[in-house]
Amino acid sequence: ADGGFGLLAADQTQHGIGAWTRLSAGTVVLPAGGSADVAFT
């Protein structure tokens, strides 16, 4: 409709780079003001 940039939802089928990528963690819990680094390939 307008050329906006979007990303597919988690329950949609990924065909390109979304299918080629693997994260080292699927969930993360962060404390207030905290951060975490998650590796991916």
Full PDB file with SEQRES, HELIX, SHEET, SSBOND, CRYST1, ORIGX, SCALE, CONECT and MASTER records, all heavy atoms in Angstrom:
SEQRES   1 A   41  ALA ASP GLY GLY PHE GLY LEU LEU ALA ALA ASP GLN THR          
SEQRES   2 A   41  GLN HIS GLY ILE GLY ALA TRP THR ARG LEU SER ALA GLY          
SEQRES   3 A   41  THR VAL VAL LEU PRO ALA GLY GLY SER ALA ASP VAL ALA          
SEQRES   4 A   41  PHE THR                                                      
HELIX    1 AA1 ILE A   17  TRP A   20  1                                   4    
CRYST1    1.000    1.000    1.000  90.00  90.00  90.00 P 1           1          
ORIGX1      1.000000  0.000000  0.000000        0.00000                         
ORIGX2      0.000000  1.000000  0.000000        0.00000                         
ORIGX3      0.000000  0.000000  1.000000        0.00000                         
SCALE1      1.000000  0.000000  0.000000        0.00000                         
SCALE2      0.000000  1.000000  0.000000        0.00000                         
SCALE3      0.000000  0.000000  1.000000        0.00000                         
ATOM      1  N   ALA A   1       0.805  -1.219   0.000  1.00  0.00           N  
ATOM      2  CA  ALA A   1       0.000   0.000   0.000  1.00  0.00           C  
ATOM      3  C   ALA A   1       0.837   1.268   0.000  1.00  0.00           C  
ATOM      4  O   ALA A   1       0.484   2.241  -0.652  1.00  0.00           O  
ATOM      5  CB  ALA A   1      -0.935  -0.001   1.208  1.00  0.00           C  
ATOM      6  N   ASP A   2       1.968   1.292   0.727  1.00  0.00           N  
ATOM      7  CA  ASP A   2       2.698   2.557   0.849  1.00  0.00           C  
ATOM      8  C   ASP A   2       4.213   2.406   0.833  1.00  0.00           C  
ATOM      9  O   ASP A   2       4.929   3.388   1.041  1.00  0.00           O  
ATOM     10  CB  ASP A   2       2.278   3.291   2.128  1.00  0.00           C  
ATOM     11  CG  ASP A   2       2.526   2.467   3.387  1.00  0.00           C  
ATOM     12  OD1 ASP A   2       3.168   1.404   3.296  1.00  0.00           O  
ATOM     13  OD2 ASP A   2       2.061   2.886   4.463  1.00  0.00           O  
ATOM     14  N   GLY A   3       4.721   1.204   0.600  1.00  0.00           N  
ATOM     15  CA  GLY A   3       6.165   1.008   0.518  1.00  0.00           C  
ATOM     16  C   GLY A   3       6.869   0.954   1.848  1.00  0.00           C  
ATOM     17  O   GLY A   3       8.109   0.934   1.897  1.00  0.00           O  
ATOM     18  N   GLY A   4       6.125   0.924   2.966  1.00  0.00           N  
ATOM     19  CA  GLY A   4       6.755   0.887   4.278  1.00  0.00           C  
ATOM     20  C   GLY A   4       7.578  -0.375   4.499  1.00  0.00           C  
ATOM     21  O   GLY A   4       7.271  -1.442   3.965  1.00  0.00           O  
ATOM     22  N   PHE A   5       8.622  -0.251   5.307  1.00  0.00           N  
ATOM     23  CA  PHE A   5       9.500  -1.381   5.622  1.00  0.00           C  
ATOM     24  C   PHE A   5       8.889  -2.171   6.760  1.00  0.00           C  
ATOM     25  O   PHE A   5       8.489  -1.615   7.780  1.00  0.00           O  
ATOM     26  CB  PHE A   5      10.876  -0.850   6.019  1.00  0.00           C  
ATOM     27  CG  PHE A   5      11.911  -1.917   6.267  1.00  0.00           C  
ATOM     28  CD1 PHE A   5      12.788  -2.289   5.265  1.00  0.00           C  
ATOM     29  CD2 PHE A   5      12.014  -2.537   7.506  1.00  0.00           C  
ATOM     30  CE1 PHE A   5      13.759  -3.260   5.490  1.00  0.00           C  
ATOM     31  CE2 PHE A   5      12.970  -3.509   7.738  1.00  0.00           C  
ATOM     32  CZ  PHE A   5      13.842  -3.871   6.718  1.00  0.00           C  
ATOM     33  N   GLY A   6       8.804  -3.491   6.609  1.00  0.00           N  
ATOM     34  CA  GLY A   6       8.239  -4.343   7.648  1.00  0.00           C  
ATOM     35  C   GLY A   6       9.025  -5.630   7.781  1.00  0.00           C  
ATOM     36  O   GLY A   6       9.826  -5.995   6.915  1.00  0.00           O  
ATOM     37  N   LEU A   7       8.798  -6.326   8.895  1.00  0.00           N  
ATOM     38  CA  LEU A   7       9.409  -7.629   9.162  1.00  0.00           C  
ATOM     39  C   LEU A   7       8.300  -8.631   9.439  1.00  0.00           C  
ATOM     40  O   LEU A   7       7.330  -8.311  10.128  1.00  0.00           O  
ATOM     41  CB  LEU A   7      10.362  -7.556  10.356  1.00  0.00           C  
ATOM     42  CG  LEU A   7      11.590  -6.645  10.191  1.00  0.00           C  
ATOM     43  CD1 LEU A   7      12.311  -6.483  11.516  1.00  0.00           C  
ATOM     44  CD2 LEU A   7      12.535  -7.207   9.144  1.00  0.00           C  
ATOM     45  N   LEU A   8       8.451  -9.843   8.922  1.00  0.00           N  
ATOM     46  CA  LEU A   8       7.435 -10.868   9.129  1.00  0.00           C  
ATOM     47  C   LEU A   8       7.317 -11.227  10.612  1.00  0.00           C  
ATOM     48  O   LEU A   8       8.278 -11.118  11.380  1.00  0.00           O  
ATOM     49  CB  LEU A   8       7.775 -12.123   8.336  1.00  0.00           C  
ATOM     50  CG  LEU A   8       7.779 -11.996   6.805  1.00  0.00           C  
ATOM     51  CD1 LEU A   8       8.097 -13.340   6.170  1.00  0.00           C  
ATOM     52  CD2 LEU A   8       6.449 -11.462   6.291  1.00  0.00           C  
ATOM     53  N   ALA A   9       6.125 -11.646  11.000  1.00  0.00           N  
ATOM     54  CA  ALA A   9       5.891 -12.079  12.375  1.00  0.00           C  
ATOM     55  C   ALA A   9       6.542 -13.440  12.626  1.00  0.00           C  
ATOM     56  O   ALA A   9       6.889 -14.171  11.691  1.00  0.00           O  
ATOM     57  CB  ALA A   9       4.385 -12.154  12.646  1.00  0.00           C  
ATOM     58  N   ALA A  10       6.679 -13.772  13.894  1.00  0.00           N  
ATOM     59  CA  ALA A  10       7.376 -15.000  14.274  1.00  0.00           C  
ATOM     60  C   ALA A  10       6.676 -16.253  13.762  1.00  0.00           C  
ATOM     61  O   ALA A  10       7.326 -17.267  13.465  1.00  0.00           O  
ATOM     62  CB  ALA A  10       7.516 -15.070  15.797  1.00  0.00           C  
ATOM     63  N   ASP A  11       5.338 -16.211  13.641  1.00  0.00           N  
ATOM     64  CA  ASP A  11       4.606 -17.403  13.210  1.00  0.00           C  
ATOM     65  C   ASP A  11       4.416 -17.473  11.703  1.00  0.00           C  
ATOM     66  O   ASP A  11       3.718 -18.353  11.204  1.00  0.00           O  
ATOM     67  CB  ASP A  11       3.248 -17.471  13.906  1.00  0.00           C  
ATOM     68  CG  ASP A  11       2.395 -16.241  13.641  1.00  0.00           C  
ATOM     69  OD1 ASP A  11       2.887 -15.299  12.993  1.00  0.00           O  
ATOM     70  OD2 ASP A  11       1.235 -16.226  14.108  1.00  0.00           O  
ATOM     71  N   GLN A  12       5.047 -16.570  10.964  1.00  0.00           N  
ATOM     72  CA  GLN A  12       4.987 -16.626   9.511  1.00  0.00           C  
ATOM     73  C   GLN A  12       6.212 -17.348   8.970  1.00  0.00           C  
ATOM     74  O   GLN A  12       7.268 -17.380   9.600  1.00  0.00           O  
ATOM     75  CB  GLN A  12       4.884 -15.218   8.917  1.00  0.00           C  
ATOM     76  CG  GLN A  12       3.573 -14.525   9.241  1.00  0.00           C  
ATOM     77  CD  GLN A  12       3.496 -13.133   8.635  1.00  0.00           C  
ATOM     78  OE1 GLN A  12       4.214 -12.233   9.041  1.00  0.00           O  
ATOM     79  NE2 GLN A  12       2.621 -12.967   7.656  1.00  0.00           N  
ATOM     80  N   THR A  13       6.058 -17.939   7.785  1.00  0.00           N  
ATOM     81  CA  THR A  13       7.157 -18.706   7.191  1.00  0.00           C  
ATOM     82  C   THR A  13       8.236 -17.773   6.661  1.00  0.00           C  
ATOM     83  O   THR A  13       7.956 -16.859   5.892  1.00  0.00           O  
ATOM     84  CB  THR A  13       6.629 -19.590   6.047  1.00  0.00           C  
ATOM     85  OG1 THR A  13       5.607 -20.446   6.556  1.00  0.00           O  
ATOM     86  CG2 THR A  13       7.758 -20.430   5.459  1.00  0.00           C  
ATOM     87  N   GLN A  14       9.461 -18.024   7.098  1.00  0.00           N  
ATOM     88  CA  GLN A  14      10.615 -17.248   6.635  1.00  0.00           C  
ATOM     89  C   GLN A  14      11.279 -18.008   5.478  1.00  0.00           C  
ATOM     90  O   GLN A  14      11.533 -19.204   5.585  1.00  0.00           O  
ATOM     91  CB  GLN A  14      11.623 -17.045   7.771  1.00  0.00           C  
ATOM     92  CG  GLN A  14      11.017 -16.624   9.103  1.00  0.00           C  
ATOM     93  CD  GLN A  14      10.443 -15.226   9.099  1.00  0.00           C  
ATOM     94  OE1 GLN A  14      10.808 -14.384   8.282  1.00  0.00           O  
ATOM     95  NE2 GLN A  14       9.531 -14.949  10.025  1.00  0.00           N  
ATOM     96  N   HIS A  15      11.558 -17.294   4.398  1.00  0.00           N  
ATOM     97  CA  HIS A  15      12.137 -17.941   3.223  1.00  0.00           C  
ATOM     98  C   HIS A  15      13.568 -17.514   2.943  1.00  0.00           C  
ATOM     99  O   HIS A  15      14.320 -18.259   2.321  1.00  0.00           O  
ATOM    100  CB  HIS A  15      11.285 -17.640   1.984  1.00  0.00           C  
ATOM    101  CG  HIS A  15       9.899 -18.186   2.060  1.00  0.00           C  
ATOM    102  ND1 HIS A  15       9.611 -19.521   1.845  1.00  0.00           N  
ATOM    103  CD2 HIS A  15       8.712 -17.587   2.353  1.00  0.00           C  
ATOM    104  CE1 HIS A  15       8.312 -19.715   1.974  1.00  0.00           C  
ATOM    105  NE2 HIS A  15       7.741 -18.568   2.283  1.00  0.00           N  
ATOM    106  N   GLY A  16      13.970 -16.328   3.371  1.00  0.00           N  
ATOM    107  CA  GLY A  16      15.284 -15.800   3.061  1.00  0.00           C  
ATOM    108  C   GLY A  16      16.189 -15.762   4.275  1.00  0.00           C  
ATOM    109  O   GLY A  16      16.407 -16.772   4.949  1.00  0.00           O  
ATOM    110  N   ILE A  17      16.687 -14.558   4.586  1.00  0.00           N  
ATOM    111  CA  ILE A  17      17.642 -14.437   5.679  1.00  0.00           C  
ATOM    112  C   ILE A  17      17.013 -14.819   7.019  1.00  0.00           C  
ATOM    113  O   ILE A  17      17.714 -15.253   7.940  1.00  0.00           O  
ATOM    114  CB  ILE A  17      18.206 -12.996   5.716  1.00  0.00           C  
ATOM    115  CG1 ILE A  17      19.482 -12.950   6.549  1.00  0.00           C  
ATOM    116  CG2 ILE A  17      17.166 -12.005   6.204  1.00  0.00           C  
ATOM    117  CD1 ILE A  17      20.237 -11.642   6.404  1.00  0.00           C  
ATOM    118  N   GLY A  18      15.691 -14.700   7.137  1.00  0.00           N  
ATOM    119  CA  GLY A  18      15.027 -15.139   8.361  1.00  0.00           C  
ATOM    120  C   GLY A  18      15.147 -16.633   8.581  1.00  0.00           C  
ATOM    121  O   GLY A  18      15.153 -17.108   9.720  1.00  0.00           O  
ATOM    122  N   ALA A  19      15.246 -17.399   7.485  1.00  0.00           N  
ATOM    123  CA  ALA A  19      15.412 -18.858   7.586  1.00  0.00           C  
ATOM    124  C   ALA A  19      16.876 -19.242   7.722  1.00  0.00           C  
ATOM    125  O   ALA A  19      17.186 -20.323   8.232  1.00  0.00           O  
ATOM    126  CB  ALA A  19      14.809 -19.534   6.352  1.00  0.00           C  
ATOM    127  N   TRP A  20      17.771 -18.384   7.270  1.00  0.00           N  
ATOM    128  CA  TRP A  20      19.200 -18.699   7.329  1.00  0.00           C  
ATOM    129  C   TRP A  20      19.820 -18.377   8.686  1.00  0.00           C  
ATOM    130  O   TRP A  20      20.936 -18.798   8.980  1.00  0.00           O  
ATOM    131  CB  TRP A  20      19.974 -17.903   6.282  1.00  0.00           C  
ATOM    132  CG  TRP A  20      19.486 -18.047   4.878  1.00  0.00           C  
ATOM    133  CD1 TRP A  20      18.620 -18.986   4.389  1.00  0.00           C  
ATOM    134  CD2 TRP A  20      19.820 -17.214   3.765  1.00  0.00           C  
ATOM    135  NE1 TRP A  20      18.399 -18.800   3.058  1.00  0.00           N  
ATOM    136  CE2 TRP A  20      19.122 -17.723   2.632  1.00  0.00           C  
ATOM    137  CE3 TRP A  20      20.650 -16.107   3.603  1.00  0.00           C  
ATOM    138  CZ2 TRP A  20      19.238 -17.135   1.376  1.00  0.00           C  
ATOM    139  CZ3 TRP A  20      20.765 -15.526   2.350  1.00  0.00           C  
ATOM    140  CH2 TRP A  20      20.061 -16.036   1.248  1.00  0.00           C  
ATOM    141  N   THR A  21      19.109 -17.618   9.533  1.00  0.00           N  
ATOM    142  CA  THR A  21      19.681 -17.084  10.773  1.00  0.00           C  
ATOM    143  C   THR A  21      19.256 -17.920  11.974  1.00  0.00           C  
ATOM    144  O   THR A  21      18.092 -18.295  12.098  1.00  0.00           O  
ATOM    145  CB  THR A  21      19.247 -15.622  10.975  1.00  0.00           C  
ATOM    146  OG1 THR A  21      19.632 -14.854   9.826  1.00  0.00           O  
ATOM    147  CG2 THR A  21      19.882 -15.024  12.210  1.00  0.00           C  
ATOM    148  N   ARG A  22      20.220 -18.187  12.864  1.00  0.00           N  
ATOM    149  CA  ARG A  22      19.960 -18.904  14.106  1.00  0.00           C  
ATOM    150  C   ARG A  22      20.493 -18.084  15.274  1.00  0.00           C  
ATOM    151  O   ARG A  22      21.647 -17.644  15.265  1.00  0.00           O  
ATOM    152  CB  ARG A  22      20.622 -20.288  14.097  1.00  0.00           C  
ATOM    153  CG  ARG A  22      20.041 -21.247  13.068  1.00  0.00           C  
ATOM    154  CD  ARG A  22      18.636 -21.698  13.447  1.00  0.00           C  
ATOM    155  NE  ARG A  22      18.074 -22.630  12.476  1.00  0.00           N  
ATOM    156  CZ  ARG A  22      17.376 -22.273  11.402  1.00  0.00           C  
ATOM    157  NH1 ARG A  22      17.155 -20.980  11.176  1.00  0.00           N  
ATOM    158  NH2 ARG A  22      16.899 -23.172  10.568  1.00  0.00           N  
ATOM    159  N   LEU A  23      19.627 -17.883  16.296  1.00  0.00           N  
ATOM    160  CA  LEU A  23      20.019 -17.145  17.493  1.00  0.00           C  
ATOM    161  C   LEU A  23      20.478 -18.107  18.574  1.00  0.00           C  
ATOM    162  O   LEU A  23      19.967 -19.232  18.679  1.00  0.00           O  
ATOM    163  CB  LEU A  23      18.841 -16.319  18.000  1.00  0.00           C  
ATOM    164  CG  LEU A  23      18.306 -15.230  17.054  1.00  0.00           C  
ATOM    165  CD1 LEU A  23      16.985 -14.696  17.569  1.00  0.00           C  
ATOM    166  CD2 LEU A  23      19.305 -14.104  16.911  1.00  0.00           C  
ATOM    167  N   SER A  24      21.414 -17.659  19.418  1.00  0.00           N  
ATOM    168  CA  SER A  24      21.907 -18.511  20.504  1.00  0.00           C  
ATOM    169  C   SER A  24      20.876 -18.621  21.634  1.00  0.00           C  
ATOM    170  O   SER A  24      21.003 -19.497  22.493  1.00  0.00           O  
ATOM    171  CB  SER A  24      23.216 -17.966  21.060  1.00  0.00           C  
ATOM    172  OG  SER A  24      23.040 -16.658  21.594  1.00  0.00           O  
ATOM    173  N   ALA A  25      19.882 -17.749  21.660  1.00  0.00           N  
ATOM    174  CA  ALA A  25      18.823 -17.809  22.675  1.00  0.00           C  
ATOM    175  C   ALA A  25      17.517 -17.379  22.038  1.00  0.00           C  
ATOM    176  O   ALA A  25      17.473 -16.420  21.258  1.00  0.00           O  
ATOM    177  CB  ALA A  25      19.157 -16.917  23.864  1.00  0.00           C  
ATOM    178  N   GLY A  26      16.433 -18.109  22.385  1.00  0.00           N  
ATOM    179  CA  GLY A  26      15.124 -17.772  21.853  1.00  0.00           C  
ATOM    180  C   GLY A  26      14.324 -16.869  22.765  1.00  0.00           C  
ATOM    181  O   GLY A  26      13.365 -16.230  22.335  1.00  0.00           O  
ATOM    182  N   THR A  27      14.718 -16.804  24.040  1.00  0.00           N  
ATOM    183  CA  THR A  27      14.065 -15.923  25.006  1.00  0.00           C  
ATOM    184  C   THR A  27      15.136 -15.285  25.882  1.00  0.00           C  
ATOM    185  O   THR A  27      16.226 -15.846  26.063  1.00  0.00           O  
ATOM    186  CB  THR A  27      13.070 -16.686  25.898  1.00  0.00           C  
ATOM    187  OG1 THR A  27      13.774 -17.729  26.596  1.00  0.00           O  
ATOM    188  CG2 THR A  27      11.946 -17.290  25.078  1.00  0.00           C  
ATOM    189  N   VAL A  28      14.800 -14.131  26.439  1.00  0.00           N  
ATOM    190  CA  VAL A  28      15.715 -13.458  27.356  1.00  0.00           C  
ATOM    191  C   VAL A  28      14.883 -12.643  28.336  1.00  0.00           C  
ATOM    192  O   VAL A  28      13.854 -12.064  27.967  1.00  0.00           O  
ATOM    193  CB  VAL A  28      16.711 -12.550  26.598  1.00  0.00           C  
ATOM    194  CG1 VAL A  28      15.990 -11.418  25.863  1.00  0.00           C  
ATOM    195  CG2 VAL A  28      17.753 -11.975  27.538  1.00  0.00           C  
ATOM    196  N   VAL A  29      15.275 -12.661  29.621  1.00  0.00           N  
ATOM    197  CA  VAL A  29      14.620 -11.874  30.665  1.00  0.00           C  
ATOM    198  C   VAL A  29      15.612 -10.832  31.148  1.00  0.00           C  
ATOM    199  O   VAL A  29      16.719 -11.169  31.581  1.00  0.00           O  
ATOM    200  CB  VAL A  29      14.152 -12.753  31.833  1.00  0.00           C  
ATOM    201  CG1 VAL A  29      13.506 -11.897  32.920  1.00  0.00           C  
ATOM    202  CG2 VAL A  29      13.185 -13.819  31.350  1.00  0.00           C  
ATOM    203  N   LEU A  30      15.221  -9.560  31.065  1.00  0.00           N  
ATOM    204  CA  LEU A  30      16.121  -8.468  31.420  1.00  0.00           C  
ATOM    205  C   LEU A  30      15.619  -7.739  32.656  1.00  0.00           C  
ATOM    206  O   LEU A  30      14.428  -7.409  32.737  1.00  0.00           O  
ATOM    207  CB  LEU A  30      16.241  -7.464  30.264  1.00  0.00           C  
ATOM    208  CG  LEU A  30      16.799  -8.001  28.949  1.00  0.00           C  
ATOM    209  CD1 LEU A  30      16.821  -6.898  27.901  1.00  0.00           C  
ATOM    210  CD2 LEU A  30      18.193  -8.575  29.149  1.00  0.00           C  
ATOM    211  N   PRO A  31      16.498  -7.450  33.618  1.00  0.00           N  
ATOM    212  CA  PRO A  31      16.088  -6.636  34.775  1.00  0.00           C  
ATOM    213  C   PRO A  31      15.896  -5.188  34.351  1.00  0.00           C  
ATOM    214  O   PRO A  31      16.229  -4.798  33.225  1.00  0.00           O  
ATOM    215  CB  PRO A  31      17.283  -6.785  35.725  1.00  0.00           C  
ATOM    216  CG  PRO A  31      18.448  -7.018  34.816  1.00  0.00           C  
ATOM    217  CD  PRO A  31      17.916  -7.836  33.674  1.00  0.00           C  
ATOM    218  N   ALA A  32      15.352  -4.394  35.228  1.00  0.00           N  
ATOM    219  CA  ALA A  32      15.161  -2.977  34.932  1.00  0.00           C  
ATOM    220  C   ALA A  32      16.485  -2.337  34.543  1.00  0.00           C  
ATOM    221  O   ALA A  32      17.493  -2.483  35.244  1.00  0.00           O  
ATOM    222  CB  ALA A  32      14.579  -2.273  36.160  1.00  0.00           C  
ATOM    223  N   GLY A  33      16.504  -1.667  33.394  1.00  0.00           N  
ATOM    224  CA  GLY A  33      17.710  -1.002  32.928  1.00  0.00           C  
ATOM    225  C   GLY A  33      18.791  -1.936  32.433  1.00  0.00           C  
ATOM    226  O   GLY A  33      19.893  -1.480  32.102  1.00  0.00           O  
ATOM    227  N   GLY A  34      18.514  -3.247  32.357  1.00  0.00           N  
ATOM    228  CA  GLY A  34      19.532  -4.211  31.959  1.00  0.00           C  
ATOM    229  C   GLY A  34      19.575  -4.445  30.468  1.00  0.00           C  
ATOM    230  O   GLY A  34      18.700  -4.032  29.706  1.00  0.00           O  
ATOM    231  N   SER A  35      20.624  -5.139  30.021  1.00  0.00           N  
ATOM    232  CA  SER A  35      20.774  -5.488  28.616  1.00  0.00           C  
ATOM    233  C   SER A  35      21.449  -6.840  28.498  1.00  0.00           C  
ATOM    234  O   SER A  35      22.063  -7.329  29.460  1.00  0.00           O  
ATOM    235  CB  SER A  35      21.583  -4.424  27.867  1.00  0.00           C  
ATOM    236  OG  SER A  35      22.903  -4.330  28.368  1.00  0.00           O  
ATOM    237  N   ALA A  36      21.334  -7.441  27.330  1.00  0.00           N  
ATOM    238  CA  ALA A  36      21.956  -8.743  27.071  1.00  0.00           C  
ATOM    239  C   ALA A  36      22.388  -8.795  25.616  1.00  0.00           C  
ATOM    240  O   ALA A  36      21.707  -8.281  24.721  1.00  0.00           O  
ATOM    241  CB  ALA A  36      20.977  -9.875  27.367  1.00  0.00           C  
ATOM    242  N   ASP A  37      23.543  -9.423  25.388  1.00  0.00           N  
ATOM    243  CA  ASP A  37      24.049  -9.650  24.043  1.00  0.00           C  
ATOM    244  C   ASP A  37      23.753 -11.089  23.643  1.00  0.00           C  
ATOM    245  O   ASP A  37      24.073 -12.019  24.385  1.00  0.00           O  
ATOM    246  CB  ASP A  37      25.553  -9.396  23.970  1.00  0.00           C  
ATOM    247  CG  ASP A  37      25.899  -7.925  24.189  1.00  0.00           C  
ATOM    248  OD1 ASP A  37      25.070  -7.060  23.859  1.00  0.00           O  
ATOM    249  OD2 ASP A  37      27.008  -7.649  24.687  1.00  0.00           O  
ATOM    250  N   VAL A  38      23.129 -11.252  22.484  1.00  0.00           N  
ATOM    251  CA  VAL A  38      22.737 -12.574  22.000  1.00  0.00           C  
ATOM    252  C   VAL A  38      23.428 -12.809  20.658  1.00  0.00           C  
ATOM    253  O   VAL A  38      23.226 -12.057  19.693  1.00  0.00           O  
ATOM    254  CB  VAL A  38      21.210 -12.677  21.836  1.00  0.00           C  
ATOM    255  CG1 VAL A  38      20.827 -14.046  21.292  1.00  0.00           C  
ATOM    256  CG2 VAL A  38      20.515 -12.401  23.171  1.00  0.00           C  
ATOM    257  N   ALA A  39      24.259 -13.845  20.613  1.00  0.00           N  
ATOM    258  CA  ALA A  39      24.975 -14.160  19.382  1.00  0.00           C  
ATOM    259  C   ALA A  39      24.034 -14.799  18.364  1.00  0.00           C  
ATOM    260  O   ALA A  39      23.035 -15.436  18.729  1.00  0.00           O  
ATOM    261  CB  ALA A  39      26.139 -15.097  19.684  1.00  0.00           C  
ATOM    262  N   PHE A  40      24.356 -14.635  17.089  1.00  0.00           N  
ATOM    263  CA  PHE A  40      23.601 -15.315  16.038  1.00  0.00           C  
ATOM    264  C   PHE A  40      24.519 -15.641  14.874  1.00  0.00           C  
ATOM    265  O   PHE A  40      25.587 -15.036  14.704  1.00  0.00           O  
ATOM    266  CB  PHE A  40      22.403 -14.468  15.567  1.00  0.00           C  
ATOM    267  CG  PHE A  40      22.768 -13.188  14.872  1.00  0.00           C  
ATOM    268  CD1 PHE A  40      23.023 -13.154  13.504  1.00  0.00           C  
ATOM    269  CD2 PHE A  40      22.830 -11.996  15.584  1.00  0.00           C  
ATOM    270  CE1 PHE A  40      23.342 -11.970  12.856  1.00  0.00           C  
ATOM    271  CE2 PHE A  40      23.151 -10.812  14.949  1.00  0.00           C  
ATOM    272  CZ  PHE A  40      23.404 -10.798  13.582  1.00  0.00           C  
ATOM    273  N   THR A  41      24.110 -16.627  14.095  1.00  0.00           N  
ATOM    274  CA  THR A  41      24.855 -17.016  12.897  1.00  0.00           C  
ATOM    275  C   THR A  41      23.929 -16.959  11.695  1.00  0.00           C  
ATOM    276  O   THR A  41      22.742 -17.256  11.791  1.00  0.00           O  
ATOM    277  CB  THR A  41      25.430 -18.440  13.025  1.00  0.00           C  
ATOM    278  OG1 THR A  41      24.337 -19.358  13.223  1.00  0.00           O  
ATOM    279  CG2 THR A  41      26.390 -18.541  14.195  1.00  0.00           C  
TER     280      THR A  41                                                      
MASTER        0    0    0    1    0    0    0    6  279    1    0    4          
END                                                                             
